[in-house]
Amino acid sequence: MLKIYDEYQKYGVDGYYKSHNRDYFNPHSQKIEDLYLKHLKELIGSNISYSAEGTMEPVVTILDIACGDGLIAQLVNKYNNNCIVEGTDPYFNNKYTTYNYSFEDISMGKLQKNYDIAICCYAFHLINPQWMFNFLDGLANITNTFVIITPSKKITINHPYWRIFKEMRIEKVTLMVLKTNHQNYIK
């Protein structure tokens, strides 16, 4: 099997996902699940609040950006009860995809709903650098926590709304949690 980057070179990112969306799966799913269990399950679980009666309420809303085959939704549903996961992906139309918004759509403010956490798993490198600042602007209007999971070790976040809350590199995967106190975010 060719590395996915070779496929991007052959078809382009748009061409690859348009022609392979039915058979795509993330080949790093086990590594991502291990990372989720060690570091993200607790972050997501810490956002669950309890009612006065002591019962859990589904208060954690998660946006899975570039959700693909729904790996993040599957992990959240498997390990964190009482969460609502909505996925967005311009190439996929499956049970994990709620919206077909792209990074550019989020940049332009087309998504008008707030989330507790947004996660971008193995797709952050696909954002066109020309859209990066506007994407982070648009994202700050819908969430105050952004999680990036990527094989890249060269992530630069240069935006006035976002600060790095946590960053680590584990087994060739970077996990970065960003936080914002942007005034336009209203929950």
C-alpha atoms as a PDB file:
ATOM      1  CA  MET A   1       0.000   0.000   0.000  1.00  0.00           C
ATOM      2  CA  LEU A   2       1.305   3.444  -0.910  1.00  0.00           C
ATOM      3  CA  LYS A   3       1.608   6.077   1.749  1.00  0.00           C
ATOM      4  CA  ILE A   4      -1.351   8.440   1.667  1.00  0.00           C
ATOM      5  CA  TYR A   5       0.964  11.309   0.740  1.00  0.00           C
ATOM      6  CA  ASP A   6       1.862   9.433  -2.449  1.00  0.00           C
ATOM      7  CA  GLU A   7      -1.851   9.150  -3.174  1.00  0.00           C
ATOM      8  CA  TYR A   8      -2.237  12.910  -2.614  1.00  0.00           C
ATOM      9  CA  GLN A   9       0.532  13.502  -5.145  1.00  0.00           C
ATOM     10  CA  LYS A  10      -1.114  11.192  -7.641  1.00  0.00           C
ATOM     11  CA  TYR A  11      -4.735  12.400  -7.345  1.00  0.00           C
ATOM     12  CA  GLY A  12      -4.531  15.616  -5.318  1.00  0.00           C
ATOM     13  CA  VAL A  13      -6.280  15.831  -1.958  1.00  0.00           C
ATOM     14  CA  ASP A  14      -9.697  16.582  -3.490  1.00  0.00           C
ATOM     15  CA  GLY A  15      -9.350  13.872  -6.108  1.00  0.00           C
ATOM     16  CA  TYR A  16      -8.164  11.282  -3.616  1.00  0.00           C
ATOM     17  CA  TYR A  17     -11.049  11.751  -1.182  1.00  0.00           C
ATOM     18  CA  LYS A  18     -13.679  12.131  -3.889  1.00  0.00           C
ATOM     19  CA  SER A  19     -12.650   8.821  -5.430  1.00  0.00           C
ATOM     20  CA  HIS A  20     -11.750   6.909  -2.238  1.00  0.00           C
ATOM     21  CA  ASN A  21     -14.366   8.053   0.288  1.00  0.00           C
ATOM     22  CA  ARG A  22     -16.253   4.754   0.172  1.00  0.00           C
ATOM     23  CA  ASP A  23     -13.232   2.587   0.974  1.00  0.00           C
ATOM     24  CA  TYR A  24     -11.221   4.980   3.163  1.00  0.00           C
ATOM     25  CA  PHE A  25     -10.219   4.015   6.695  1.00  0.00           C
ATOM     26  CA  ASN A  26      -7.576   5.549   8.898  1.00  0.00           C
ATOM     27  CA  PRO A  27      -4.654   3.083   8.923  1.00  0.00           C
ATOM     28  CA  HIS A  28      -3.475   4.566  12.239  1.00  0.00           C
ATOM     29  CA  SER A  29      -6.706   3.796  14.101  1.00  0.00           C
ATOM     30  CA  GLN A  30      -5.076   1.617  16.785  1.00  0.00           C
ATOM     31  CA  LYS A  31      -2.456   4.256  17.539  1.00  0.00           C
ATOM     32  CA  ILE A  32      -5.176   6.919  17.731  1.00  0.00           C
ATOM     33  CA  GLU A  33      -7.298   4.751  20.039  1.00  0.00           C
ATOM     34  CA  ASP A  34      -4.317   4.269  22.372  1.00  0.00           C
ATOM     35  CA  LEU A  35      -3.712   8.019  22.388  1.00  0.00           C
ATOM     36  CA  TYR A  36      -7.395   8.640  23.042  1.00  0.00           C
ATOM     37  CA  LEU A  37      -7.445   6.292  26.031  1.00  0.00           C
ATOM     38  CA  LYS A  38      -4.269   7.730  27.559  1.00  0.00           C
ATOM     39  CA  HIS A  39      -4.930  11.434  27.019  1.00  0.00           C
ATOM     40  CA  LEU A  40      -8.291  12.412  25.509  1.00  0.00           C
ATOM     41  CA  LYS A  41     -10.785  10.267  27.368  1.00  0.00           C
ATOM     42  CA  GLU A  42     -10.031  12.183  30.561  1.00  0.00           C
ATOM     43  CA  LEU A  43     -10.212  15.596  28.832  1.00  0.00           C
ATOM     44  CA  ILE A  44     -13.620  14.776  27.372  1.00  0.00           C
ATOM     45  CA  GLY A  45     -14.855  13.159  30.573  1.00  0.00           C
ATOM     46  CA  SER A  46     -13.853  16.180  32.632  1.00  0.00           C
ATOM     47  CA  ASN A  47     -16.434  18.226  30.718  1.00  0.00           C
ATOM     48  CA  ILE A  48     -19.328  15.993  31.797  1.00  0.00           C
ATOM     49  CA  SER A  49     -21.362  17.629  34.532  1.00  0.00           C
ATOM     50  CA  TYR A  50     -23.785  16.062  36.974  1.00  0.00           C
ATOM     51  CA  SER A  51     -27.287  17.209  37.766  1.00  0.00           C
ATOM     52  CA  ALA A  52     -28.483  17.928  41.301  1.00  0.00           C
ATOM     53  CA  GLU A  53     -29.923  14.388  41.412  1.00  0.00           C
ATOM     54  CA  GLY A  54     -26.483  12.945  40.634  1.00  0.00           C
ATOM     55  CA  THR A  55     -27.340  11.658  37.179  1.00  0.00           C
ATOM     56  CA  MET A  56     -25.118  12.377  34.236  1.00  0.00           C
ATOM     57  CA  GLU A  57     -26.383  14.852  31.650  1.00  0.00           C
ATOM     58  CA  PRO A  58     -25.206  14.867  28.017  1.00  0.00           C
ATOM     59  CA  VAL A  59     -23.521  18.231  28.147  1.00  0.00           C
ATOM     60  CA  VAL A  60     -20.350  17.518  26.180  1.00  0.00           C
ATOM     61  CA  THR A  61     -20.762  18.400  22.521  1.00  0.00           C
ATOM     62  CA  ILE A  62     -17.940  17.521  20.155  1.00  0.00           C
ATOM     63  CA  LEU A  63     -17.324  18.594  16.564  1.00  0.00           C
ATOM     64  CA  ASP A  64     -15.196  16.126  14.613  1.00  0.00           C
ATOM     65  CA  ILE A  65     -13.655  18.218  11.827  1.00  0.00           C
ATOM     66  CA  ALA A  66     -12.792  16.258   8.653  1.00  0.00           C
ATOM     67  CA  CYS A  67     -14.434  13.251  10.306  1.00  0.00           C
ATOM     68  CA  GLY A  68     -13.788  10.810   7.455  1.00  0.00           C
ATOM     69  CA  ASP A  69     -14.877   7.325   8.454  1.00  0.00           C
ATOM     70  CA  GLY A  70     -15.975   8.480  11.924  1.00  0.00           C
ATOM     71  CA  LEU A  71     -13.058   7.206  13.996  1.00  0.00           C
ATOM     72  CA  ILE A  72     -13.355   9.938  16.646  1.00  0.00           C
ATOM     73  CA  ALA A  73     -17.134   9.454  16.962  1.00  0.00           C
ATOM     74  CA  GLN A  74     -16.604   5.712  17.351  1.00  0.00           C
ATOM     75  CA  LEU A  75     -14.028   6.230  20.126  1.00  0.00           C
ATOM     76  CA  VAL A  76     -16.146   8.800  21.957  1.00  0.00           C
ATOM     77  CA  ASN A  77     -19.210   6.557  21.752  1.00  0.00           C
ATOM     78  CA  LYS A  78     -17.173   3.575  22.967  1.00  0.00           C
ATOM     79  CA  TYR A  79     -15.433   5.257  25.916  1.00  0.00           C
ATOM     80  CA  ASN A  80     -17.319   8.427  26.869  1.00  0.00           C
ATOM     81  CA  ASN A  81     -21.041   8.074  27.425  1.00  0.00           C
ATOM     82  CA  ASN A  82     -23.231  11.151  27.481  1.00  0.00           C
ATOM     83  CA  CYS A  83     -21.473  12.959  24.654  1.00  0.00           C
ATOM     84  CA  ILE A  84     -22.913  14.238  21.421  1.00  0.00           C
ATOM     85  CA  VAL A  85     -20.542  14.004  18.445  1.00  0.00           C
ATOM     86  CA  GLU A  86     -21.272  15.738  15.161  1.00  0.00           C
ATOM     87  CA  GLY A  87     -18.938  15.291  12.233  1.00  0.00           C
ATOM     88  CA  THR A  88     -18.214  17.523   9.300  1.00  0.00           C
ATOM     89  CA  ASP A  89     -16.445  16.474   6.130  1.00  0.00           C
ATOM     90  CA  PRO A  90     -16.856  17.722   2.553  1.00  0.00           C
ATOM     91  CA  TYR A  91     -16.046  14.302   1.057  1.00  0.00           C
ATOM     92  CA  PHE A  92     -17.908  11.827   3.238  1.00  0.00           C
ATOM     93  CA  ASN A  93     -21.600  11.163   3.617  1.00  0.00           C
ATOM     94  CA  ASN A  94     -22.000   8.450   6.233  1.00  0.00           C
ATOM     95  CA  LYS A  95     -23.657   7.964   9.602  1.00  0.00           C
ATOM     96  CA  TYR A  96     -20.864   9.964  11.275  1.00  0.00           C
ATOM     97  CA  THR A  97     -21.185  13.005   9.010  1.00  0.00           C
ATOM     98  CA  THR A  98     -23.647  15.655  10.192  1.00  0.00           C
ATOM     99  CA  TYR A  99     -22.419  18.468   7.919  1.00  0.00           C
ATOM    100  CA  ASN A 100     -20.482  18.585   4.677  1.00  0.00           C
ATOM    101  CA  TYR A 101     -18.552  21.711   5.656  1.00  0.00           C
ATOM    102  CA  SER A 102     -14.909  22.132   4.703  1.00  0.00           C
ATOM    103  CA  PHE A 103     -12.169  24.013   6.523  1.00  0.00           C
ATOM    104  CA  GLU A 104     -12.969  26.970   4.272  1.00  0.00           C
ATOM    105  CA  ASP A 105     -16.664  26.810   5.228  1.00  0.00           C
ATOM    106  CA  ILE A 106     -15.730  27.011   8.905  1.00  0.00           C
ATOM    107  CA  SER A 107     -13.409  29.900   8.031  1.00  0.00           C
ATOM    108  CA  MET A 108     -16.334  31.752   6.481  1.00  0.00           C
ATOM    109  CA  GLY A 109     -18.558  31.195   9.525  1.00  0.00           C
ATOM    110  CA  LYS A 110     -21.046  28.848   7.841  1.00  0.00           C
ATOM    111  CA  LEU A 111     -21.251  26.618  10.923  1.00  0.00           C
ATOM    112  CA  GLN A 112     -23.414  28.501  13.424  1.00  0.00           C
ATOM    113  CA  LYS A 113     -23.464  26.108  16.379  1.00  0.00           C
ATOM    114  CA  ASN A 114     -21.301  25.986  19.519  1.00  0.00           C
ATOM    115  CA  TYR A 115     -19.358  22.955  20.744  1.00  0.00           C
ATOM    116  CA  ASP A 116     -17.486  22.165  23.940  1.00  0.00           C
ATOM    117  CA  ILE A 117     -14.621  20.592  22.001  1.00  0.00           C
ATOM    118  CA  ALA A 118     -13.579  20.467  18.340  1.00  0.00           C
ATOM    119  CA  ILE A 119     -11.227  17.692  17.240  1.00  0.00           C
ATOM    120  CA  CYS A 120      -9.261  17.425  14.009  1.00  0.00           C
ATOM    121  CA  CYS A 121      -7.643  13.999  13.698  1.00  0.00           C
ATOM    122  CA  TYR A 122      -5.065  13.372  10.974  1.00  0.00           C
ATOM    123  CA  ALA A 123      -6.406  16.166   8.756  1.00  0.00           C
ATOM    124  CA  PHE A 124      -4.946  19.421  10.096  1.00  0.00           C
ATOM    125  CA  HIS A 125      -2.219  19.282   7.437  1.00  0.00           C
ATOM    126  CA  LEU A 126      -4.934  19.508   4.753  1.00  0.00           C
ATOM    127  CA  ILE A 127      -5.863  23.091   5.647  1.00  0.00           C
ATOM    128  CA  ASN A 128      -4.688  25.416   2.927  1.00  0.00           C
ATOM    129  CA  PRO A 129      -2.138  27.724   4.625  1.00  0.00           C
ATOM    130  CA  GLN A 130      -3.949  30.707   3.084  1.00  0.00           C
ATOM    131  CA  TRP A 131      -7.067  29.745   5.090  1.00  0.00           C
ATOM    132  CA  MET A 132      -5.337  28.910   8.395  1.00  0.00           C
ATOM    133  CA  PHE A 133      -5.790  32.284  10.147  1.00  0.00           C
ATOM    134  CA  ASN A 134      -9.438  32.573   9.056  1.00  0.00           C
ATOM    135  CA  PHE A 135     -10.085  28.937  10.001  1.00  0.00           C
ATOM    136  CA  LEU A 136      -8.809  29.556  13.543  1.00  0.00           C
ATOM    137  CA  ASP A 137     -10.893  32.764  13.639  1.00  0.00           C
ATOM    138  CA  GLY A 138     -14.037  30.876  12.614  1.00  0.00           C
ATOM    139  CA  LEU A 139     -13.288  28.051  15.014  1.00  0.00           C
ATOM    140  CA  ALA A 140     -12.957  30.496  17.926  1.00  0.00           C
ATOM    141  CA  ASN A 141     -16.568  31.513  17.270  1.00  0.00           C
ATOM    142  CA  ILE A 142     -17.898  27.967  17.824  1.00  0.00           C
ATOM    143  CA  THR A 143     -15.662  26.392  20.495  1.00  0.00           C
ATOM    144  CA  ASN A 144     -13.172  27.245  23.209  1.00  0.00           C
ATOM    145  CA  THR A 145     -11.205  23.960  23.022  1.00  0.00           C
ATOM    146  CA  PHE A 146      -9.541  22.605  19.885  1.00  0.00           C
ATOM    147  CA  VAL A 147      -7.699  19.270  19.802  1.00  0.00           C
ATOM    148  CA  ILE A 148      -5.300  18.437  16.967  1.00  0.00           C
ATOM    149  CA  ILE A 149      -4.035  14.881  16.438  1.00  0.00           C
ATOM    150  CA  THR A 150      -1.461  14.675  13.669  1.00  0.00           C
ATOM    151  CA  PRO A 151       1.643  12.778  12.574  1.00  0.00           C
ATOM    152  CA  SER A 152       3.320  16.135  11.879  1.00  0.00           C
ATOM    153  CA  LYS A 153       5.814  17.482  14.372  1.00  0.00           C
ATOM    154  CA  LYS A 154       5.864  20.912  12.752  1.00  0.00           C
ATOM    155  CA  ILE A 155       2.665  22.553  13.991  1.00  0.00           C
ATOM    156  CA  THR A 156       2.707  26.299  14.348  1.00  0.00           C
ATOM    157  CA  ILE A 157      -0.259  28.129  15.818  1.00  0.00           C
ATOM    158  CA  ASN A 158       0.131  31.853  15.355  1.00  0.00           C
ATOM    159  CA  HIS A 159      -3.227  33.353  16.207  1.00  0.00           C
ATOM    160  CA  PRO A 160      -4.208  35.911  18.863  1.00  0.00           C
ATOM    161  CA  TYR A 161      -7.255  33.938  20.091  1.00  0.00           C
ATOM    162  CA  TRP A 162      -5.627  30.557  20.622  1.00  0.00           C
ATOM    163  CA  ARG A 163      -2.984  29.415  23.089  1.00  0.00           C
ATOM    164  CA  ILE A 164      -1.421  25.995  23.482  1.00  0.00           C
ATOM    165  CA  PHE A 165      -2.786  24.385  26.633  1.00  0.00           C
ATOM    166  CA  LYS A 166      -1.101  21.000  26.224  1.00  0.00           C
ATOM    167  CA  GLU A 167       1.281  19.570  23.648  1.00  0.00           C
ATOM    168  CA  MET A 168       2.992  16.194  23.462  1.00  0.00           C
ATOM    169  CA  ARG A 169       4.578  13.866  20.955  1.00  0.00           C
ATOM    170  CA  ILE A 170       3.927  10.158  21.468  1.00  0.00           C
ATOM    171  CA  GLU A 171       5.033   7.423  19.075  1.00  0.00           C
ATOM    172  CA  LYS A 172       5.331   9.792  16.093  1.00  0.00           C
ATOM    173  CA  VAL A 173       1.964  11.424  16.777  1.00  0.00           C
ATOM    174  CA  THR A 174       1.510  14.992  18.004  1.00  0.00           C
ATOM    175  CA  LEU A 175      -1.387  15.780  20.326  1.00  0.00           C
ATOM    176  CA  MET A 176      -2.076  19.472  20.823  1.00  0.00           C
ATOM    177  CA  VAL A 177      -4.870  20.969  22.906  1.00  0.00           C
ATOM    178  CA  LEU A 178      -5.599  24.639  22.252  1.00  0.00           C
ATOM    179  CA  LYS A 179      -7.773  26.921  24.367  1.00  0.00           C
ATOM    180  CA  THR A 180      -9.336  30.302  23.706  1.00  0.00           C
ATOM    181  CA  ASN A 181     -11.210  32.902  25.701  1.00  0.00           C
ATOM    182  CA  HIS A 182     -12.438  34.622  22.556  1.00  0.00           C
ATOM    183  CA  GLN A 183     -15.322  36.920  23.421  1.00  0.00           C
ATOM    184  CA  ASN A 184     -17.496  35.902  20.445  1.00  0.00           C
ATOM    185  CA  TYR A 185     -17.745  32.317  21.688  1.00  0.00           C
ATOM    186  CA  ILE A 186     -21.052  32.003  23.506  1.00  0.00           C
ATOM    187  CA  LYS A 187     -22.149  28.715  25.035  1.00  0.00           C
END
